[in-house]
PDB file of N, CA and C in Angstrom:
ATOM      1  N   MET A   1     124.119   6.710 220.781  1.00  0.00           N
ATOM      2  CA  MET A   1     124.665   5.424 220.420  1.00  0.00           C
ATOM      3  C   MET A   1     125.552   5.588 219.187  1.00  0.00           C
ATOM      4  N   ILE A   2     126.695   4.969 219.203  1.00  0.00           N
ATOM      5  CA  ILE A   2     127.620   4.991 218.086  1.00  0.00           C
ATOM      6  C   ILE A   2     127.756   3.569 217.559  1.00  0.00           C
ATOM      7  N   SER A   3     127.652   3.433 216.227  1.00  0.00           N
ATOM      8  CA  SER A   3     127.832   2.118 215.623  1.00  0.00           C
ATOM      9  C   SER A   3     128.613   2.250 214.330  1.00  0.00           C
ATOM     10  N   ILE A   4     129.154   1.133 213.896  1.00  0.00           N
ATOM     11  CA  ILE A   4     129.910   1.068 212.653  1.00  0.00           C
ATOM     12  C   ILE A   4     129.122   0.200 211.679  1.00  0.00           C
ATOM     13  N   HIS A   5     128.908   0.718 210.474  1.00  0.00           N
ATOM     14  CA  HIS A   5     128.238  -0.047 209.421  1.00  0.00           C
ATOM     15  C   HIS A   5     129.299  -0.784 208.621  1.00  0.00           C
ATOM     16  N   THR A   6     129.084  -2.063 208.365  1.00  0.00           N
ATOM     17  CA  THR A   6     130.019  -2.846 207.563  1.00  0.00           C
ATOM     18  C   THR A   6     129.328  -3.337 206.300  1.00  0.00           C
ATOM     19  N   ASP A   7     130.117  -3.548 205.244  1.00  0.00           N
ATOM     20  CA  ASP A   7     129.560  -4.062 203.994  1.00  0.00           C
ATOM     21  C   ASP A   7     129.549  -5.588 204.023  1.00  0.00           C
ATOM     22  N   GLU A   8     129.194  -6.199 202.886  1.00  0.00           N
ATOM     23  CA  GLU A   8     129.075  -7.656 202.799  1.00  0.00           C
ATOM     24  C   GLU A   8     130.404  -8.363 203.059  1.00  0.00           C
ATOM     25  N   ALA A   9     131.508  -7.674 202.755  1.00  0.00           N
ATOM     26  CA  ALA A   9     132.835  -8.256 202.955  1.00  0.00           C
ATOM     27  C   ALA A   9     133.356  -8.042 204.376  1.00  0.00           C
ATOM     28  N   GLY A  10     132.576  -7.372 205.205  1.00  0.00           N
ATOM     29  CA  GLY A  10     132.988  -7.115 206.571  1.00  0.00           C
ATOM     30  C   GLY A  10     133.836  -5.866 206.741  1.00  0.00           C
ATOM     31  N   GLU A  11     133.974  -5.073 205.676  1.00  0.00           N
ATOM     32  CA  GLU A  11     134.749  -3.835 205.739  1.00  0.00           C
ATOM     33  C   GLU A  11     133.915  -2.720 206.372  1.00  0.00           C
ATOM     34  N   ASN A  12     134.527  -1.914 207.211  1.00  0.00           N
ATOM     35  CA  ASN A  12     133.842  -0.763 207.797  1.00  0.00           C
ATOM     36  C   ASN A  12     133.579   0.265 206.697  1.00  0.00           C
ATOM     37  N   THR A  13     132.322   0.707 206.552  1.00  0.00           N
ATOM     38  CA  THR A  13     131.989   1.665 205.494  1.00  0.00           C
ATOM     39  C   THR A  13     131.428   2.976 206.022  1.00  0.00           C
ATOM     40  N   ALA A  14     130.898   2.981 207.233  1.00  0.00           N
ATOM     41  CA  ALA A  14     130.300   4.211 207.751  1.00  0.00           C
ATOM     42  C   ALA A  14     130.294   4.202 209.276  1.00  0.00           C
ATOM     43  N   ARG A  15     130.318   5.410 209.816  1.00  0.00           N
ATOM     44  CA  ARG A  15     130.146   5.601 211.251  1.00  0.00           C
ATOM     45  C   ARG A  15     128.781   6.233 211.458  1.00  0.00           C
ATOM     46  N   ILE A  16     128.012   5.668 212.370  1.00  0.00           N
ATOM     47  CA  ILE A  16     126.652   6.146 212.621  1.00  0.00           C
ATOM     48  C   ILE A  16     126.561   6.578 214.082  1.00  0.00           C
ATOM     49  N   ILE A  17     126.155   7.830 214.291  1.00  0.00           N
ATOM     50  CA  ILE A  17     125.946   8.350 215.637  1.00  0.00           C
ATOM     51  C   ILE A  17     124.475   8.757 215.730  1.00  0.00           C
ATOM     52  N   GLU A  18     123.765   8.209 216.703  1.00  0.00           N
ATOM     53  CA  GLU A  18     122.357   8.539 216.909  1.00  0.00           C
ATOM     54  C   GLU A  18     122.167   9.000 218.351  1.00  0.00           C
ATOM     55  N   VAL A  19     121.679  10.263 218.494  1.00  0.00           N
ATOM     56  CA  VAL A  19     121.443  10.831 219.818  1.00  0.00           C
ATOM     57  C   VAL A  19     120.152  11.634 219.779  1.00  0.00           C
ATOM     58  N   ASP A  20     119.190  11.280 220.612  1.00  0.00           N
ATOM     59  CA  ASP A  20     117.935  12.023 220.756  1.00  0.00           C
ATOM     60  C   ASP A  20     117.259  12.318 219.419  1.00  0.00           C
ATOM     61  N   GLY A  21     117.178  11.332 218.540  1.00  0.00           N
ATOM     62  CA  GLY A  21     116.489  11.507 217.266  1.00  0.00           C
ATOM     63  C   GLY A  21     117.323  12.143 216.172  1.00  0.00           C
ATOM     64  N   GLU A  22     118.516  12.608 216.491  1.00  0.00           N
ATOM     65  CA  GLU A  22     119.425  13.166 215.495  1.00  0.00           C
ATOM     66  C   GLU A  22     120.405  12.081 215.064  1.00  0.00           C
ATOM     67  N   VAL A  23     120.704  12.069 213.775  1.00  0.00           N
ATOM     68  CA  VAL A  23     121.598  11.061 213.217  1.00  0.00           C
ATOM     69  C   VAL A  23     122.715  11.764 212.443  1.00  0.00           C
ATOM     70  N   VAL A  24     123.945  11.311 212.667  1.00  0.00           N
ATOM     71  CA  VAL A  24     125.076  11.749 211.859  1.00  0.00           C
ATOM     72  C   VAL A  24     125.720  10.481 211.307  1.00  0.00           C
ATOM     73  N   VAL A  25     125.787  10.415 209.980  1.00  0.00           N
ATOM     74  CA  VAL A  25     126.434   9.282 209.325  1.00  0.00           C
ATOM     75  C   VAL A  25     127.587   9.829 208.511  1.00  0.00           C
ATOM     76  N   SER A  26     128.750   9.258 208.699  1.00  0.00           N
ATOM     77  CA  SER A  26     129.947   9.729 208.023  1.00  0.00           C
ATOM     78  C   SER A  26     130.589   8.568 207.276  1.00  0.00           C
ATOM     79  N   MET A  27     130.984   8.842 206.019  1.00  0.00           N
ATOM     80  CA  MET A  27     131.640   7.830 205.192  1.00  0.00           C
ATOM     81  C   MET A  27     132.905   8.429 204.579  1.00  0.00           C
ATOM     82  N   ASP A  28     133.994   7.689 204.652  1.00  0.00           N
ATOM     83  CA  ASP A  28     135.210   8.092 203.965  1.00  0.00           C
ATOM     84  C   ASP A  28     135.131   7.593 202.528  1.00  0.00           C
ATOM     85  N   THR A  29     135.694   8.369 201.620  1.00  0.00           N
ATOM     86  CA  THR A  29     135.713   7.989 200.218  1.00  0.00           C
ATOM     87  C   THR A  29     136.949   8.588 199.568  1.00  0.00           C
ATOM     88  N   PHE A  30     137.320   8.078 198.444  1.00  0.00           N
ATOM     89  CA  PHE A  30     138.510   8.577 197.756  1.00  0.00           C
ATOM     90  C   PHE A  30     138.225   8.621 196.262  1.00  0.00           C
ATOM     91  N   ILE A  31     137.401   9.590 195.862  1.00  0.00           N
ATOM     92  CA  ILE A  31     137.052   9.756 194.455  1.00  0.00           C
ATOM     93  C   ILE A  31     137.863  10.928 193.923  1.00  0.00           C
ATOM     94  N   GLU A  32     138.825  10.628 193.058  1.00  0.00           N
ATOM     95  CA  GLU A  32     139.703  11.666 192.512  1.00  0.00           C
ATOM     96  C   GLU A  32     139.080  12.329 191.288  1.00  0.00           C
ATOM     97  N   GLY A  33     139.469  13.592 191.070  1.00  0.00           N
ATOM     98  CA  GLY A  33     139.064  14.305 189.869  1.00  0.00           C
ATOM     99  C   GLY A  33     137.672  14.883 189.903  1.00  0.00           C
ATOM    100  N   VAL A  34     137.122  15.127 191.102  1.00  0.00           N
ATOM    101  CA  VAL A  34     135.765  15.664 191.194  1.00  0.00           C
ATOM    102  C   VAL A  34     135.721  17.136 190.789  1.00  0.00           C
ATOM    103  N   VAL A  35     134.579  17.525 190.252  1.00  0.00           N
ATOM    104  CA  VAL A  35     134.316  18.916 189.891  1.00  0.00           C
ATOM    105  C   VAL A  35     133.544  19.546 191.043  1.00  0.00           C
ATOM    106  N   VAL A  36     134.060  20.652 191.559  1.00  0.00           N
ATOM    107  CA  VAL A  36     133.450  21.321 192.703  1.00  0.00           C
ATOM    108  C   VAL A  36     132.506  22.403 192.193  1.00  0.00           C
ATOM    109  N   PRO A  37     131.261  22.440 192.693  1.00  0.00           N
ATOM    110  CA  PRO A  37     130.323  23.470 192.250  1.00  0.00           C
ATOM    111  C   PRO A  37     130.709  24.859 192.758  1.00  0.00           C
ATOM    112  N   PRO A  38     130.242  25.899 192.072  1.00  0.00           N
ATOM    113  CA  PRO A  38     130.602  27.262 192.460  1.00  0.00           C
ATOM    114  C   PRO A  38     130.110  27.678 193.845  1.00  0.00           C
ATOM    115  N   ASP A  39     129.087  27.016 194.372  1.00  0.00           N
ATOM    116  CA  ASP A  39     128.558  27.406 195.684  1.00  0.00           C
ATOM    117  C   ASP A  39     129.277  26.723 196.851  1.00  0.00           C
ATOM    118  N   ALA A  40     130.369  26.011 196.577  1.00  0.00           N
ATOM    119  CA  ALA A  40     131.114  25.341 197.646  1.00  0.00           C
ATOM    120  C   ALA A  40     131.806  26.373 198.530  1.00  0.00           C
ATOM    121  N   GLU A  41     131.848  26.082 199.809  1.00  0.00           N
ATOM    122  CA  GLU A  41     132.585  26.916 200.750  1.00  0.00           C
ATOM    123  C   GLU A  41     134.055  26.505 200.685  1.00  0.00           C
ATOM    124  N   VAL A  42     134.949  27.485 200.631  1.00  0.00           N
ATOM    125  CA  VAL A  42     136.383  27.206 200.508  1.00  0.00           C
ATOM    126  C   VAL A  42     137.077  27.526 201.818  1.00  0.00           C
ATOM    127  N   VAL A  43     137.884  26.582 202.273  1.00  0.00           N
ATOM    128  CA  VAL A  43     138.723  26.782 203.448  1.00  0.00           C
ATOM    129  C   VAL A  43     140.164  26.572 202.977  1.00  0.00           C
ATOM    130  N   GLU A  44     141.002  27.591 203.127  1.00  0.00           N
ATOM    131  CA  GLU A  44     142.403  27.461 202.732  1.00  0.00           C
ATOM    132  C   GLU A  44     143.239  27.118 203.946  1.00  0.00           C
ATOM    133  N   ILE A  45     144.195  26.253 203.734  1.00  0.00           N
ATOM    134  CA  ILE A  45     145.079  25.833 204.809  1.00  0.00           C
ATOM    135  C   ILE A  45     146.491  26.265 204.438  1.00  0.00           C
ATOM    136  N   GLY A  46     146.981  27.275 205.104  1.00  0.00           N
ATOM    137  CA  GLY A  46     148.339  27.746 204.880  1.00  0.00           C
ATOM    138  C   GLY A  46     148.631  28.200 203.462  1.00  0.00           C
ATOM    139  N   GLY A  47     147.608  28.533 202.698  1.00  0.00           N
ATOM    140  CA  GLY A  47     147.806  28.995 201.336  1.00  0.00           C
ATOM    141  C   GLY A  47     148.193  27.912 200.347  1.00  0.00           C
ATOM    142  N   ARG A  48     148.453  26.712 200.814  1.00  0.00           N
ATOM    143  CA  ARG A  48     148.874  25.618 199.926  1.00  0.00           C
ATOM    144  C   ARG A  48     147.742  24.687 199.559  1.00  0.00           C
ATOM    145  N   TYR A  49     146.914  24.393 200.500  1.00  0.00           N
ATOM    146  CA  TYR A  49     145.850  23.417 200.299  1.00  0.00           C
ATOM    147  C   TYR A  49     144.506  24.080 200.477  1.00  0.00           C
ATOM    148  N   LYS A  50     143.509  23.510 199.826  1.00  0.00           N
ATOM    149  CA  LYS A  50     142.136  23.989 200.003  1.00  0.00           C
ATOM    150  C   LYS A  50     141.247  22.810 200.346  1.00  0.00           C
ATOM    151  N   LEU A  51     140.289  23.084 201.180  1.00  0.00           N
ATOM    152  CA  LEU A  51     139.204  22.155 201.442  1.00  0.00           C
ATOM    153  C   LEU A  51     137.937  22.829 200.964  1.00  0.00           C
ATOM    154  N   TYR A  52     137.137  22.111 200.215  1.00  0.00           N
ATOM    155  CA  TYR A  52     135.841  22.603 199.764  1.00  0.00           C
ATOM    156  C   TYR A  52     134.767  21.843 200.517  1.00  0.00           C
ATOM    157  N   VAL A  53     133.795  22.571 201.033  1.00  0.00           N
ATOM    158  CA  VAL A  53     132.641  21.964 201.690  1.00  0.00           C
ATOM    159  C   VAL A  53     131.427  22.246 200.810  1.00  0.00           C
ATOM    160  N   VAL A  54     130.778  21.169 200.388  1.00  0.00           N
ATOM    161  CA  VAL A  54     129.583  21.280 199.551  1.00  0.00           C
ATOM    162  C   VAL A  54     128.409  20.774 200.378  1.00  0.00           C
ATOM    163  N   ARG A  55     127.411  21.635 200.566  1.00  0.00           N
ATOM    164  CA  ARG A  55     126.242  21.277 201.379  1.00  0.00           C
ATOM    165  C   ARG A  55     125.001  21.200 200.499  1.00  0.00           C
ATOM    166  N   ARG A  56     124.176  20.186 200.747  1.00  0.00           N
ATOM    167  CA  ARG A  56     122.926  20.011 200.020  1.00  0.00           C
ATOM    168  C   ARG A  56     121.834  19.586 201.003  1.00  0.00           C
ATOM    169  N   ASP A  57     120.672  20.220 200.882  1.00  0.00           N
ATOM    170  CA  ASP A  57     119.523  19.810 201.690  1.00  0.00           C
ATOM    171  C   ASP A  57     118.961  18.514 201.134  1.00  0.00           C
ATOM    172  N   ARG A  58     118.555  17.651 202.033  1.00  0.00           N
ATOM    173  CA  ARG A  58     117.963  16.362 201.680  1.00  0.00           C
ATOM    174  C   ARG A  58     116.785  16.110 202.603  1.00  0.00           C
ATOM    175  N   PRO A  59     116.015  15.078 202.306  1.00  0.00           N
ATOM    176  CA  PRO A  59     114.863  14.782 203.169  1.00  0.00           C
ATOM    177  C   PRO A  59     115.274  14.697 204.637  1.00  0.00           C
ATOM    178  N   GLU A  60     114.614  15.481 205.426  1.00  0.00           N
ATOM    179  CA  GLU A  60     114.813  15.457 206.874  1.00  0.00           C
ATOM    180  C   GLU A  60     116.274  15.625 207.279  1.00  0.00           C
ATOM    181  N   GLY A  61     117.041  16.420 206.506  1.00  0.00           N
ATOM    182  CA  GLY A  61     118.427  16.626 206.905  1.00  0.00           C
ATOM    183  C   GLY A  61     119.262  17.327 205.858  1.00  0.00           C
ATOM    184  N   ARG A  62     120.563  17.119 205.968  1.00  0.00           N
ATOM    185  CA  ARG A  62     121.522  17.776 205.086  1.00  0.00           C
ATOM    186  C   ARG A  62     122.658  16.805 204.770  1.00  0.00           C
ATOM    187  N   ILE A  63     123.205  16.934 203.567  1.00  0.00           N
ATOM    188  CA  ILE A  63     124.370  16.172 203.132  1.00  0.00           C
ATOM    189  C   ILE A  63     125.539  17.148 203.028  1.00  0.00           C
ATOM    190  N   GLU A  64     126.713  16.719 203.461  1.00  0.00           N
ATOM    191  CA  GLU A  64     127.918  17.525 203.313  1.00  0.00           C
ATOM    192  C   GLU A  64     129.009  16.670 202.683  1.00  0.00           C
ATOM    193  N   PHE A  65     129.673  17.242 201.691  1.00  0.00           N
ATOM    194  CA  PHE A  65     130.808  16.596 201.050  1.00  0.00           C
ATOM    195  C   PHE A  65     132.049  17.424 201.337  1.00  0.00           C
ATOM    196  N   LEU A  66     133.168  16.758 201.568  1.00  0.00           N
ATOM    197  CA  LEU A  66     134.430  17.435 201.814  1.00  0.00           C
ATOM    198  C   LEU A  66     135.417  17.038 200.714  1.00  0.00           C
ATOM    199  N   VAL A  67     135.940  18.055 200.010  1.00  0.00           N
ATOM    200  CA  VAL A  67     136.869  17.825 198.908  1.00  0.00           C
ATOM    201  C   VAL A  67     138.218  18.440 199.270  1.00  0.00           C
ATOM    202  N   TYR A  68     139.265  17.669 199.096  1.00  0.00           N
ATOM    203  CA  TYR A  68     140.637  18.102 199.346  1.00  0.00           C
ATOM    204  C   TYR A  68     141.288  18.468 198.018  1.00  0.00           C
ATOM    205  N   ASP A  69     141.962  19.621 197.979  1.00  0.00           N
ATOM    206  CA  ASP A  69     142.625  20.091 196.762  1.00  0.00           C
ATOM    207  C   ASP A  69     144.042  20.514 197.133  1.00  0.00           C
ATOM    208  N   ASN A  70     145.050  19.841 196.567  1.00  0.00           N
ATOM    209  CA  ASN A  70     146.436  20.191 196.875  1.00  0.00           C
ATOM    210  C   ASN A  70     147.088  20.989 195.745  1.00  0.00           C
ATOM    211  N   GLY A  71     146.280  21.478 194.803  1.00  0.00           N
ATOM    212  CA  GLY A  71     146.802  22.241 193.683  1.00  0.00           C
ATOM    213  C   GLY A  71     147.096  21.384 192.470  1.00  0.00           C
ATOM    214  N   THR A  72     147.287  20.105 192.679  1.00  0.00           N
ATOM    215  CA  THR A  72     147.542  19.170 191.590  1.00  0.00           C
ATOM    216  C   THR A  72     146.338  18.288 191.322  1.00  0.00           C
ATOM    217  N   LYS A  73     145.694  17.845 192.405  1.00  0.00           N
ATOM    218  CA  LYS A  73     144.514  16.997 192.250  1.00  0.00           C
ATOM    219  C   LYS A  73     143.468  17.357 193.289  1.00  0.00           C
ATOM    220  N   ARG A  74     142.231  17.044 192.934  1.00  0.00           N
ATOM    221  CA  ARG A  74     141.095  17.201 193.849  1.00  0.00           C
ATOM    222  C   ARG A  74     140.539  15.828 194.149  1.00  0.00           C
ATOM    223  N   GLN A  75     140.206  15.633 195.408  1.00  0.00           N
ATOM    224  CA  GLN A  75     139.713  14.330 195.818  1.00  0.00           C
ATOM    225  C   GLN A  75     138.579  14.498 196.819  1.00  0.00           C
ATOM    226  N   LEU A  76     137.453  13.858 196.538  1.00  0.00           N
ATOM    227  CA  LEU A  76     136.360  13.792 197.499  1.00  0.00           C
ATOM    228  C   LEU A  76     136.797  12.818 198.585  1.00  0.00           C
ATOM    229  N   ILE A  77     136.884  13.313 199.823  1.00  0.00           N
ATOM    230  CA  ILE A  77     137.428  12.470 200.894  1.00  0.00           C
ATOM    231  C   ILE A  77     136.390  12.065 201.942  1.00  0.00           C
ATOM    232  N   SER A  78     135.243  12.754 201.969  1.00  0.00           N
ATOM    233  CA  SER A  78     134.270  12.435 203.009  1.00  0.00           C
ATOM    234  C   SER A  78     132.867  12.859 202.578  1.00  0.00           C
ATOM    235  N   ALA A  79     131.892  12.066 202.997  1.00  0.00           N
ATOM    236  CA  ALA A  79     130.478  12.411 202.816  1.00  0.00           C
ATOM    237  C   ALA A  79     129.797  12.220 204.162  1.00  0.00           C
ATOM    238  N   ARG A  80     128.878  13.127 204.469  1.00  0.00           N
ATOM    239  CA  ARG A  80     128.219  13.078 205.768  1.00  0.00           C
ATOM    240  C   ARG A  80     126.738  13.419 205.616  1.00  0.00           C
ATOM    241  N   TYR A  81     125.894  12.688 206.339  1.00  0.00           N
ATOM    242  CA  TYR A  81     124.469  13.006 206.446  1.00  0.00           C
ATOM    243  C   TYR A  81     124.222  13.452 207.874  1.00  0.00           C
ATOM    244  N   ILE A  82     123.462  14.540 208.024  1.00  0.00           N
ATOM    245  CA  ILE A  82     123.060  15.031 209.337  1.00  0.00           C
ATOM    246  C   ILE A  82     121.559  15.245 209.279  1.00  0.00           C
ATOM    247  N   GLY A  83     120.819  14.557 210.113  1.00  0.00           N
ATOM    248  CA  GLY A  83     119.370  14.707 210.066  1.00  0.00           C
ATOM    249  C   GLY A  83     118.660  13.730 210.973  1.00  0.00           C
ATOM    250  N   SER A  84     117.472  13.320 210.528  1.00  0.00           N
ATOM    251  CA  SER A  84     116.639  12.509 211.415  1.00  0.00           C
ATOM    252  C   SER A  84     116.173  11.184 210.818  1.00  0.00           C
ATOM    253  N   ILE A  85     116.621  10.823 209.607  1.00  0.00           N
ATOM    254  CA  ILE A  85     116.231   9.497 209.110  1.00  0.00           C
ATOM    255  C   ILE A  85     117.079   8.427 209.789  1.00  0.00           C
ATOM    256  N   ARG A  86     116.623   7.210 209.743  1.00  0.00           N
ATOM    257  CA  ARG A  86     117.323   6.091 210.372  1.00  0.00           C
ATOM    258  C   ARG A  86     118.752   5.976 209.853  1.00  0.00           C
ATOM    259  N   GLY A  87     119.677   5.597 210.687  1.00  0.00           N
ATOM    260  CA  GLY A  87     121.078   5.487 210.313  1.00  0.00           C
ATOM    261  C   GLY A  87     121.317   4.613 209.100  1.00  0.00           C
ATOM    262  N   GLU A  88     120.699   3.450 209.058  1.00  0.00           N
ATOM    263  CA  GLU A  88     120.885   2.535 207.919  1.00  0.00           C
ATOM    264  C   GLU A  88     120.340   3.144 206.626  1.00  0.00           C
ATOM    265  N   ASP A  89     119.254   3.889 206.721  1.00  0.00           N
ATOM    266  CA  ASP A  89     118.699   4.555 205.536  1.00  0.00           C
ATOM    267  C   ASP A  89     119.623   5.670 205.063  1.00  0.00           C
ATOM    268  N   ALA A  90     120.248   6.360 205.995  1.00  0.00           N
ATOM    269  CA  ALA A  90     121.202   7.416 205.638  1.00  0.00           C
ATOM    270  C   ALA A  90     122.432   6.820 204.953  1.00  0.00           C
ATOM    271  N   VAL A  91     122.866   5.639 205.394  1.00  0.00           N
ATOM    272  CA  VAL A  91     123.993   4.954 204.747  1.00  0.00           C
ATOM    273  C   VAL A  91     123.639   4.657 203.291  1.00  0.00           C
ATOM    274  N   LYS A  92     122.432   4.145 203.055  1.00  0.00           N
ATOM    275  CA  LYS A  92     121.986   3.845 201.679  1.00  0.00           C
ATOM    276  C   LYS A  92     121.924   5.116 200.836  1.00  0.00           C
ATOM    277  N   LEU A  93     121.424   6.200 201.418  1.00  0.00           N
ATOM    278  CA  LEU A  93     121.355   7.480 200.712  1.00  0.00           C
ATOM    279  C   LEU A  93     122.752   7.944 200.307  1.00  0.00           C
ATOM    280  N   LEU A  94     123.681   7.941 201.250  1.00  0.00           N
ATOM    281  CA  LEU A  94     125.053   8.365 200.955  1.00  0.00           C
ATOM    282  C   LEU A  94     125.713   7.460 199.926  1.00  0.00           C
ATOM    283  N   LYS A  95     125.527   6.164 200.073  1.00  0.00           N
ATOM    284  CA  LYS A  95     126.121   5.210 199.127  1.00  0.00           C
ATOM    285  C   LYS A  95     125.617   5.472 197.712  1.00  0.00           C
ATOM    286  N   GLY A  96     124.318   5.721 197.558  1.00  0.00           N
ATOM    287  CA  GLY A  96     123.761   6.028 196.241  1.00  0.00           C
ATOM    288  C   GLY A  96     124.341   7.310 195.662  1.00  0.00           C
ATOM    289  N   LEU A  97     124.490   8.324 196.491  1.00  0.00           N
ATOM    290  CA  LEU A  97     125.073   9.588 196.030  1.00  0.00           C
ATOM    291  C   LEU A  97     126.538   9.413 195.634  1.00  0.00           C
ATOM    292  N   LEU A  98     127.289   8.661 196.423  1.00  0.00           N
ATOM    293  CA  LEU A  98     128.694   8.437 196.100  1.00  0.00           C
ATOM    294  C   LEU A  98     128.853   7.624 194.817  1.00  0.00           C
ATOM    295  N   ASP A  99     127.976   6.655 194.593  1.00  0.00           N
ATOM    296  CA  ASP A  99     128.011   5.891 193.336  1.00  0.00           C
ATOM    297  C   ASP A  99     127.747   6.810 192.146  1.00  0.00           C
ATOM    298  N   ALA A 100     126.787   7.736 192.294  1.00  0.00           N
ATOM    299  CA  ALA A 100     126.472   8.684 191.214  1.00  0.00           C
ATOM    300  C   ALA A 100     127.647   9.620 190.953  1.00  0.00           C
ATOM    301  N   ILE A 101     128.302  10.079 192.015  1.00  0.00           N
ATOM    302  CA  ILE A 101     129.453  10.963 191.864  1.00  0.00           C
ATOM    303  C   ILE A 101     130.593  10.220 191.175  1.00  0.00           C
ATOM    304  N   ALA A 102     130.812   8.958 191.526  1.00  0.00           N
ATOM    305  CA  ALA A 102     131.888   8.176 190.919  1.00  0.00           C
ATOM    306  C   ALA A 102     131.687   7.993 189.414  1.00  0.00           C
ATOM    307  N   LYS A 103     130.442   8.093 188.955  1.00  0.00           N
ATOM    308  CA  LYS A 103     130.157   7.957 187.518  1.00  0.00           C
ATOM    309  C   LYS A 103     130.351   9.269 186.767  1.00  0.00           C
ATOM    310  N   THR A 104     130.049  10.406 187.412  1.00  0.00           N
ATOM    311  CA  THR A 104     130.095  11.698 186.708  1.00  0.00           C
ATOM    312  C   THR A 104     131.224  12.615 187.177  1.00  0.00           C
ATOM    313  N   TYR A 105     131.732  12.378 188.380  1.00  0.00           N
ATOM    314  CA  TYR A 105     132.751  13.220 189.025  1.00  0.00           C
ATOM    315  C   TYR A 105     132.302  14.658 189.225  1.00  0.00           C
ATOM    316  N   ASP A 106     131.005  14.910 189.157  1.00  0.00           N
ATOM    317  CA  ASP A 106     130.492  16.273 189.215  1.00  0.00           C
ATOM    318  C   ASP A 106     129.579  16.443 190.431  1.00  0.00           C
ATOM    319  N   LEU A 107     130.050  17.171 191.432  1.00  0.00           N
ATOM    320  CA  LEU A 107     129.257  17.407 192.638  1.00  0.00           C
ATOM    321  C   LEU A 107     128.113  18.378 192.412  1.00  0.00           C
ATOM    322  N   SER A 108     128.160  19.155 191.350  1.00  0.00           N
ATOM    323  CA  SER A 108     127.085  20.118 191.110  1.00  0.00           C
ATOM    324  C   SER A 108     125.796  19.423 190.682  1.00  0.00           C
ATOM    325  N   LYS A 109     125.859  18.174 190.271  1.00  0.00           N
ATOM    326  CA  LYS A 109     124.669  17.439 189.835  1.00  0.00           C
ATOM    327  C   LYS A 109     124.008  16.686 190.977  1.00  0.00           C
ATOM    328  N   ILE A 110     124.555  16.814 192.161  1.00  0.00           N
ATOM    329  CA  ILE A 110     124.019  16.098 193.323  1.00  0.00           C
ATOM    330  C   ILE A 110     123.111  17.023 194.106  1.00  0.00           C
TER     331      ILE A 110
END
């Protein structure tokens, strides 16, 4: 089952996919100036751009953050939960993590 989570204003905030007890929740975000931890996986695109993937284990699953770096600025563009907690609970978990990142801009503290 695929569903879209909306906030109080009716804006789409997350995509929730639930299949056979597995849940994937994905949220777009645009937090500029993030600090990428040293354990991030780096993917280079044509030598000009980099994508950093930061993975963290969480209760009954994993969190993944995707950071875009064009050489001038770094921007957290996506957060994803993959695991077995309820979709709505995963949305709350991601939202809390994104709020914390927006305050510190440091992914290594997550």
